[in-house]
Amino acid sequence: MTSIRVLSAALVLTLATPALSQTATPLTDENGDGMLSFSELLLSYPTLDIDAYFAADTDGDGFLNPHETKTARDNGILPR
């Protein structure tokens, strides 16, 4: 019975590996305020265009909140 559990766990981990490799690029919130400034995003996306950043900033406050960041990724404004 123990060998079946070990094999099952190994199978689950093997199947989960491709899913883990498809995670989004980690973002750097340097000051920990939960918002992403243009300079913080440049750490993850050095070629990010300022126009794309402002397109993602739908509330116009100059920062991306988690919802704006997810929406921008989902819509292809920010790379994954």
PDB file of N, CA and C in Angstrom:
ATOM      1  N   MET A   1       0.817  -1.188   0.000  1.00  0.00           N
ATOM      2  CA  MET A   1       0.000   0.000   0.000  1.00  0.00           C
ATOM      3  C   MET A   1       0.866   1.258   0.000  1.00  0.00           C
ATOM      4  N   THR A   2       1.963   1.233   0.740  1.00  0.00           N
ATOM      5  CA  THR A   2       2.843   2.391   0.794  1.00  0.00           C
ATOM      6  C   THR A   2       3.452   2.677  -0.569  1.00  0.00           C
ATOM      7  N   SER A   3       3.816   1.625  -1.302  1.00  0.00           N
ATOM      8  CA  SER A   3       4.421   1.845  -2.616  1.00  0.00           C
ATOM      9  C   SER A   3       3.425   2.481  -3.581  1.00  0.00           C
ATOM     10  N   ILE A   4       2.147   2.168  -3.439  1.00  0.00           N
ATOM     11  CA  ILE A   4       1.128   2.792  -4.292  1.00  0.00           C
ATOM     12  C   ILE A   4       1.035   4.285  -3.978  1.00  0.00           C
ATOM     13  N   ARG A   5       1.114   4.647  -2.712  1.00  0.00           N
ATOM     14  CA  ARG A   5       1.074   6.067  -2.331  1.00  0.00           C
ATOM     15  C   ARG A   5       2.292   6.807  -2.874  1.00  0.00           C
ATOM     16  N   VAL A   6       3.449   6.190  -2.774  1.00  0.00           N
ATOM     17  CA  VAL A   6       4.672   6.818  -3.273  1.00  0.00           C
ATOM     18  C   VAL A   6       4.587   6.996  -4.780  1.00  0.00           C
ATOM     19  N   LEU A   7       4.144   5.968  -5.485  1.00  0.00           N
ATOM     20  CA  LEU A   7       4.002   6.064  -6.936  1.00  0.00           C
ATOM     21  C   LEU A   7       2.956   7.105  -7.320  1.00  0.00           C
ATOM     22  N   SER A   8       1.874   7.173  -6.576  1.00  0.00           N
ATOM     23  CA  SER A   8       0.836   8.170  -6.854  1.00  0.00           C
ATOM     24  C   SER A   8       1.374   9.585  -6.671  1.00  0.00           C
ATOM     25  N   ALA A   9       2.121   9.790  -5.607  1.00  0.00           N
ATOM     26  CA  ALA A   9       2.707  11.108  -5.361  1.00  0.00           C
ATOM     27  C   ALA A   9       3.698  11.473  -6.456  1.00  0.00           C
ATOM     28  N   ALA A  10       4.506  10.511  -6.877  1.00  0.00           N
ATOM     29  CA  ALA A  10       5.472  10.762  -7.947  1.00  0.00           C
ATOM     30  C   ALA A  10       4.761  11.110  -9.249  1.00  0.00           C
ATOM     31  N   LEU A  11       3.673  10.427  -9.533  1.00  0.00           N
ATOM     32  CA  LEU A  11       2.905  10.699 -10.745  1.00  0.00           C
ATOM     33  C   LEU A  11       2.308  12.100 -10.710  1.00  0.00           C
ATOM     34  N   VAL A  12       1.745  12.481  -9.588  1.00  0.00           N
ATOM     35  CA  VAL A  12       1.158  13.821  -9.459  1.00  0.00           C
ATOM     36  C   VAL A  12       2.225  14.891  -9.664  1.00  0.00           C
ATOM     37  N   LEU A  13       3.385  14.720  -9.046  1.00  0.00           N
ATOM     38  CA  LEU A  13       4.456  15.703  -9.197  1.00  0.00           C
ATOM     39  C   LEU A  13       4.963  15.767 -10.633  1.00  0.00           C
ATOM     40  N   THR A  14       5.045  14.627 -11.288  1.00  0.00           N
ATOM     41  CA  THR A  14       5.495  14.593 -12.676  1.00  0.00           C
ATOM     42  C   THR A  14       4.512  15.320 -13.581  1.00  0.00           C
ATOM     43  N   LEU A  15       3.237  15.106 -13.366  1.00  0.00           N
ATOM     44  CA  LEU A  15       2.219  15.754 -14.192  1.00  0.00           C
ATOM     45  C   LEU A  15       2.103  17.243 -13.894  1.00  0.00           C
ATOM     46  N   ALA A  16       2.436  17.655 -12.691  1.00  0.00           N
ATOM     47  CA  ALA A  16       2.324  19.065 -12.321  1.00  0.00           C
ATOM     48  C   ALA A  16       3.496  19.894 -12.823  1.00  0.00           C
ATOM     49  N   THR A  17       4.608  19.284 -13.146  1.00  0.00           N
ATOM     50  CA  THR A  17       5.798  20.023 -13.554  1.00  0.00           C
ATOM     51  C   THR A  17       5.564  20.933 -14.752  1.00  0.00           C
ATOM     52  N   PRO A  18       4.929  20.488 -15.840  1.00  0.00           N
ATOM     53  CA  PRO A  18       4.690  21.414 -16.951  1.00  0.00           C
ATOM     54  C   PRO A  18       3.822  22.606 -16.553  1.00  0.00           C
ATOM     55  N   ALA A  19       2.871  22.404 -15.695  1.00  0.00           N
ATOM     56  CA  ALA A  19       2.018  23.510 -15.255  1.00  0.00           C
ATOM     57  C   ALA A  19       2.826  24.533 -14.467  1.00  0.00           C
ATOM     58  N   LEU A  20       3.750  24.074 -13.658  1.00  0.00           N
ATOM     59  CA  LEU A  20       4.584  24.985 -12.891  1.00  0.00           C
ATOM     60  C   LEU A  20       5.490  25.808 -13.783  1.00  0.00           C
ATOM     61  N   SER A  21       5.928  25.255 -14.895  1.00  0.00           N
ATOM     62  CA  SER A  21       6.831  25.975 -15.783  1.00  0.00           C
ATOM     63  C   SER A  21       6.109  27.041 -16.589  1.00  0.00           C
ATOM     64  N   GLN A  22       4.779  27.065 -16.552  1.00  0.00           N
ATOM     65  CA  GLN A  22       4.016  28.038 -17.314  1.00  0.00           C
ATOM     66  C   GLN A  22       3.543  29.205 -16.453  1.00  0.00           C
ATOM     67  N   THR A  23       4.110  29.372 -15.288  1.00  0.00           N
ATOM     68  CA  THR A  23       3.689  30.469 -14.438  1.00  0.00           C
ATOM     69  C   THR A  23       4.166  31.787 -15.021  1.00  0.00           C
ATOM     70  N   ALA A  24       3.503  32.849 -14.640  1.00  0.00           N
ATOM     71  CA  ALA A  24       3.825  34.168 -15.150  1.00  0.00           C
ATOM     72  C   ALA A  24       5.154  34.657 -14.591  1.00  0.00           C
ATOM     73  N   THR A  25       5.736  35.602 -15.303  1.00  0.00           N
ATOM     74  CA  THR A  25       6.964  36.231 -14.845  1.00  0.00           C
ATOM     75  C   THR A  25       6.715  36.867 -13.479  1.00  0.00           C
ATOM     76  N   PRO A  26       7.578  36.585 -12.508  1.00  0.00           N
ATOM     77  CA  PRO A  26       7.377  37.206 -11.200  1.00  0.00           C
ATOM     78  C   PRO A  26       7.596  38.718 -11.295  1.00  0.00           C
ATOM     79  N   LEU A  27       6.791  39.464 -10.597  1.00  0.00           N
ATOM     80  CA  LEU A  27       6.884  40.912 -10.623  1.00  0.00           C
ATOM     81  C   LEU A  27       7.498  41.408  -9.327  1.00  0.00           C
ATOM     82  N   THR A  28       8.188  42.534  -9.403  1.00  0.00           N
ATOM     83  CA  THR A  28       8.902  43.061  -8.258  1.00  0.00           C
ATOM     84  C   THR A  28       8.193  44.287  -7.702  1.00  0.00           C
ATOM     85  N   ASP A  29       7.563  44.123  -6.565  1.00  0.00           N
ATOM     86  CA  ASP A  29       6.953  45.241  -5.848  1.00  0.00           C
ATOM     87  C   ASP A  29       7.968  45.662  -4.796  1.00  0.00           C
ATOM     88  N   GLU A  30       8.904  46.522  -5.194  1.00  0.00           N
ATOM     89  CA  GLU A  30      10.044  46.847  -4.335  1.00  0.00           C
ATOM     90  C   GLU A  30       9.659  47.453  -2.991  1.00  0.00           C
ATOM     91  N   ASN A  31       8.645  48.300  -2.969  1.00  0.00           N
ATOM     92  CA  ASN A  31       8.305  48.954  -1.708  1.00  0.00           C
ATOM     93  C   ASN A  31       7.178  48.249  -0.950  1.00  0.00           C
ATOM     94  N   GLY A  32       6.657  47.152  -1.521  1.00  0.00           N
ATOM     95  CA  GLY A  32       5.665  46.338  -0.832  1.00  0.00           C
ATOM     96  C   GLY A  32       4.305  46.985  -0.645  1.00  0.00           C
ATOM     97  N   ASP A  33       3.972  47.970  -1.489  1.00  0.00           N
ATOM     98  CA  ASP A  33       2.687  48.652  -1.332  1.00  0.00           C
ATOM     99  C   ASP A  33       1.537  47.975  -2.069  1.00  0.00           C
ATOM    100  N   GLY A  34       1.825  46.876  -2.775  1.00  0.00           N
ATOM    101  CA  GLY A  34       0.787  46.166  -3.509  1.00  0.00           C
ATOM    102  C   GLY A  34       0.487  46.749  -4.874  1.00  0.00           C
ATOM    103  N   MET A  35       1.191  47.807  -5.227  1.00  0.00           N
ATOM    104  CA  MET A  35       1.018  48.465  -6.514  1.00  0.00           C
ATOM    105  C   MET A  35       2.337  48.367  -7.277  1.00  0.00           C
ATOM    106  N   LEU A  36       2.252  48.421  -8.613  1.00  0.00           N
ATOM    107  CA  LEU A  36       3.460  48.351  -9.428  1.00  0.00           C
ATOM    108  C   LEU A  36       3.647  49.656 -10.189  1.00  0.00           C
ATOM    109  N   SER A  37       4.779  50.290  -9.953  1.00  0.00           N
ATOM    110  CA  SER A  37       5.127  51.494 -10.700  1.00  0.00           C
ATOM    111  C   SER A  37       5.799  51.074 -12.003  1.00  0.00           C
ATOM    112  N   PHE A  38       5.959  52.028 -12.898  1.00  0.00           N
ATOM    113  CA  PHE A  38       6.634  51.733 -14.158  1.00  0.00           C
ATOM    114  C   PHE A  38       8.058  51.249 -13.891  1.00  0.00           C
ATOM    115  N   SER A  39       8.770  51.905 -12.979  1.00  0.00           N
ATOM    116  CA  SER A  39      10.153  51.497 -12.695  1.00  0.00           C
ATOM    117  C   SER A  39      10.215  50.101 -12.079  1.00  0.00           C
ATOM    118  N   GLU A  40       9.234  49.735 -11.259  1.00  0.00           N
ATOM    119  CA  GLU A  40       9.206  48.379 -10.699  1.00  0.00           C
ATOM    120  C   GLU A  40       8.963  47.349 -11.800  1.00  0.00           C
ATOM    121  N   LEU A  41       8.064  47.650 -12.734  1.00  0.00           N
ATOM    122  CA  LEU A  41       7.803  46.711 -13.830  1.00  0.00           C
ATOM    123  C   LEU A  41       8.998  46.571 -14.753  1.00  0.00           C
ATOM    124  N   LEU A  42       9.781  47.635 -14.899  1.00  0.00           N
ATOM    125  CA  LEU A  42      10.972  47.551 -15.751  1.00  0.00           C
ATOM    126  C   LEU A  42      11.974  46.521 -15.234  1.00  0.00           C
ATOM    127  N   LEU A  43      11.953  46.237 -13.945  1.00  0.00           N
ATOM    128  CA  LEU A  43      12.845  45.213 -13.398  1.00  0.00           C
ATOM    129  C   LEU A  43      12.502  43.834 -13.947  1.00  0.00           C
ATOM    130  N   SER A  44      11.216  43.593 -14.202  1.00  0.00           N
ATOM    131  CA  SER A  44      10.781  42.309 -14.755  1.00  0.00           C
ATOM    132  C   SER A  44      10.699  42.335 -16.272  1.00  0.00           C
ATOM    133  N   TYR A  45      10.351  43.492 -16.831  1.00  0.00           N
ATOM    134  CA  TYR A  45      10.179  43.650 -18.284  1.00  0.00           C
ATOM    135  C   TYR A  45      11.021  44.831 -18.766  1.00  0.00           C
ATOM    136  N   PRO A  46      12.315  44.642 -18.982  1.00  0.00           N
ATOM    137  CA  PRO A  46      13.191  45.761 -19.342  1.00  0.00           C
ATOM    138  C   PRO A  46      12.807  46.472 -20.642  1.00  0.00           C
ATOM    139  N   THR A  47      12.059  45.816 -21.507  1.00  0.00           N
ATOM    140  CA  THR A  47      11.677  46.440 -22.774  1.00  0.00           C
ATOM    141  C   THR A  47      10.247  46.976 -22.748  1.00  0.00           C
ATOM    142  N   LEU A  48       9.649  47.059 -21.572  1.00  0.00           N
ATOM    143  CA  LEU A  48       8.270  47.530 -21.457  1.00  0.00           C
ATOM    144  C   LEU A  48       8.145  48.950 -21.989  1.00  0.00           C
ATOM    145  N   ASP A  49       7.150  49.166 -22.805  1.00  0.00           N
ATOM    146  CA  ASP A  49       6.875  50.470 -23.396  1.00  0.00           C
ATOM    147  C   ASP A  49       5.988  51.283 -22.450  1.00  0.00           C
ATOM    148  N   ILE A  50       6.296  52.557 -22.292  1.00  0.00           N
ATOM    149  CA  ILE A  50       5.520  53.409 -21.390  1.00  0.00           C
ATOM    150  C   ILE A  50       4.060  53.499 -21.821  1.00  0.00           C
ATOM    151  N   ASP A  51       3.809  53.465 -23.124  1.00  0.00           N
ATOM    152  CA  ASP A  51       2.426  53.524 -23.609  1.00  0.00           C
ATOM    153  C   ASP A  51       1.640  52.283 -23.196  1.00  0.00           C
ATOM    154  N   ALA A  52       2.293  51.119 -23.212  1.00  0.00           N
ATOM    155  CA  ALA A  52       1.638  49.888 -22.762  1.00  0.00           C
ATOM    156  C   ALA A  52       1.329  49.976 -21.270  1.00  0.00           C
ATOM    157  N   TYR A  53       2.253  50.556 -20.521  1.00  0.00           N
ATOM    158  CA  TYR A  53       2.031  50.721 -19.083  1.00  0.00           C
ATOM    159  C   TYR A  53       0.810  51.596 -18.822  1.00  0.00           C
ATOM    160  N   PHE A  54       0.728  52.726 -19.505  1.00  0.00           N
ATOM    161  CA  PHE A  54      -0.408  53.622 -19.294  1.00  0.00           C
ATOM    162  C   PHE A  54      -1.711  53.017 -19.809  1.00  0.00           C
ATOM    163  N   ALA A  55      -1.635  52.181 -20.836  1.00  0.00           N
ATOM    164  CA  ALA A  55      -2.836  51.482 -21.307  1.00  0.00           C
ATOM    165  C   ALA A  55      -3.335  50.506 -20.244  1.00  0.00           C
ATOM    166  N   ALA A  56      -2.409  49.903 -19.507  1.00  0.00           N
ATOM    167  CA  ALA A  56      -2.777  48.954 -18.453  1.00  0.00           C
ATOM    168  C   ALA A  56      -3.308  49.665 -17.209  1.00  0.00           C
ATOM    169  N   ASP A  57      -2.894  50.901 -17.007  1.00  0.00           N
ATOM    170  CA  ASP A  57      -3.302  51.676 -15.832  1.00  0.00           C
ATOM    171  C   ASP A  57      -4.682  52.280 -16.072  1.00  0.00           C
ATOM    172  N   THR A  58      -5.701  51.447 -15.958  1.00  0.00           N
ATOM    173  CA  THR A  58      -7.050  51.862 -16.347  1.00  0.00           C
ATOM    174  C   THR A  58      -7.674  52.899 -15.415  1.00  0.00           C
ATOM    175  N   ASP A  59      -7.219  52.982 -14.163  1.00  0.00           N
ATOM    176  CA  ASP A  59      -7.788  54.004 -13.278  1.00  0.00           C
ATOM    177  C   ASP A  59      -6.981  55.304 -13.297  1.00  0.00           C
ATOM    178  N   GLY A  60      -5.871  55.307 -14.038  1.00  0.00           N
ATOM    179  CA  GLY A  60      -5.095  56.524 -14.250  1.00  0.00           C
ATOM    180  C   GLY A  60      -4.361  57.063 -13.041  1.00  0.00           C
ATOM    181  N   ASP A  61      -4.103  56.210 -12.040  1.00  0.00           N
ATOM    182  CA  ASP A  61      -3.412  56.696 -10.849  1.00  0.00           C
ATOM    183  C   ASP A  61      -1.888  56.618 -10.953  1.00  0.00           C
ATOM    184  N   GLY A  62      -1.379  56.109 -12.077  1.00  0.00           N
ATOM    185  CA  GLY A  62       0.067  56.023 -12.265  1.00  0.00           C
ATOM    186  C   GLY A  62       0.688  54.739 -11.745  1.00  0.00           C
ATOM    187  N   PHE A  63      -0.118  53.836 -11.224  1.00  0.00           N
ATOM    188  CA  PHE A  63       0.349  52.552 -10.704  1.00  0.00           C
ATOM    189  C   PHE A  63      -0.578  51.450 -11.190  1.00  0.00           C
ATOM    190  N   LEU A  64      -0.069  50.217 -11.210  1.00  0.00           N
ATOM    191  CA  LEU A  64      -0.913  49.072 -11.545  1.00  0.00           C
ATOM    192  C   LEU A  64      -1.253  48.321 -10.268  1.00  0.00           C
ATOM    193  N   ASN A  65      -2.540  48.182 -10.012  1.00  0.00           N
ATOM    194  CA  ASN A  65      -2.976  47.370  -8.882  1.00  0.00           C
ATOM    195  C   ASN A  65      -3.058  45.919  -9.360  1.00  0.00           C
ATOM    196  N   PRO A  66      -3.275  44.963  -8.470  1.00  0.00           N
ATOM    197  CA  PRO A  66      -3.307  43.552  -8.888  1.00  0.00           C
ATOM    198  C   PRO A  66      -4.339  43.259  -9.982  1.00  0.00           C
ATOM    199  N   HIS A  67      -5.505  43.895  -9.904  1.00  0.00           N
ATOM    200  CA  HIS A  67      -6.533  43.669 -10.931  1.00  0.00           C
ATOM    201  C   HIS A  67      -6.064  44.194 -12.293  1.00  0.00           C
ATOM    202  N   GLU A  68      -5.486  45.383 -12.320  1.00  0.00           N
ATOM    203  CA  GLU A  68      -4.992  45.946 -13.581  1.00  0.00           C
ATOM    204  C   GLU A  68      -3.869  45.086 -14.159  1.00  0.00           C
ATOM    205  N   THR A  69      -3.000  44.588 -13.290  1.00  0.00           N
ATOM    206  CA  THR A  69      -1.893  43.747 -13.748  1.00  0.00           C
ATOM    207  C   THR A  69      -2.415  42.459 -14.364  1.00  0.00           C
ATOM    208  N   LYS A  70      -3.365  41.816 -13.706  1.00  0.00           N
ATOM    209  CA  LYS A  70      -3.936  40.570 -14.245  1.00  0.00           C
ATOM    210  C   LYS A  70      -4.640  40.833 -15.566  1.00  0.00           C
ATOM    211  N   THR A  71      -5.430  41.890 -15.625  1.00  0.00           N
ATOM    212  CA  THR A  71      -6.149  42.225 -16.854  1.00  0.00           C
ATOM    213  C   THR A  71      -5.174  42.521 -17.984  1.00  0.00           C
ATOM    214  N   ALA A  72      -4.107  43.253 -17.685  1.00  0.00           N
ATOM    215  CA  ALA A  72      -3.103  43.573 -18.708  1.00  0.00           C
ATOM    216  C   ALA A  72      -2.425  42.310 -19.225  1.00  0.00           C
ATOM    217  N   ARG A  73      -2.146  41.367 -18.343  1.00  0.00           N
ATOM    218  CA  ARG A  73      -1.559  40.096 -18.784  1.00  0.00           C
ATOM    219  C   ARG A  73      -2.564  39.295 -19.610  1.00  0.00           C
ATOM    220  N   ASP A  74      -3.794  39.231 -19.149  1.00  0.00           N
ATOM    221  CA  ASP A  74      -4.826  38.474 -19.865  1.00  0.00           C
ATOM    222  C   ASP A  74      -5.081  39.043 -21.259  1.00  0.00           C
ATOM    223  N   ASN A  75      -4.953  40.371 -21.398  1.00  0.00           N
ATOM    224  CA  ASN A  75      -5.214  41.027 -22.679  1.00  0.00           C
ATOM    225  C   ASN A  75      -3.968  41.204 -23.538  1.00  0.00           C
ATOM    226  N   GLY A  76      -2.828  40.692 -23.073  1.00  0.00           N
ATOM    227  CA  GLY A  76      -1.603  40.759 -23.858  1.00  0.00           C
ATOM    228  C   GLY A  76      -0.896  42.102 -23.815  1.00  0.00           C
ATOM    229  N   ILE A  77      -1.334  43.013 -22.941  1.00  0.00           N
ATOM    230  CA  ILE A  77      -0.642  44.295 -22.809  1.00  0.00           C
ATOM    231  C   ILE A  77       0.694  44.079 -22.112  1.00  0.00           C
ATOM    232  N   LEU A  78       0.696  43.249 -21.089  1.00  0.00           N
ATOM    233  CA  LEU A  78       1.927  42.839 -20.409  1.00  0.00           C
ATOM    234  C   LEU A  78       2.212  41.390 -20.766  1.00  0.00           C
ATOM    235  N   PRO A  79       3.473  41.073 -21.012  1.00  0.00           N
ATOM    236  CA  PRO A  79       3.794  39.658 -21.256  1.00  0.00           C
ATOM    237  C   PRO A  79       3.607  38.845 -19.989  1.00  0.00           C
ATOM    238  N   ARG A  80       3.468  37.546 -20.151  1.00  0.00           N
ATOM    239  CA  ARG A  80       3.305  36.649 -19.006  1.00  0.00           C
ATOM    240  C   ARG A  80       4.633  36.259 -18.439  1.00  0.00           C
TER     241      ARG A  80
END
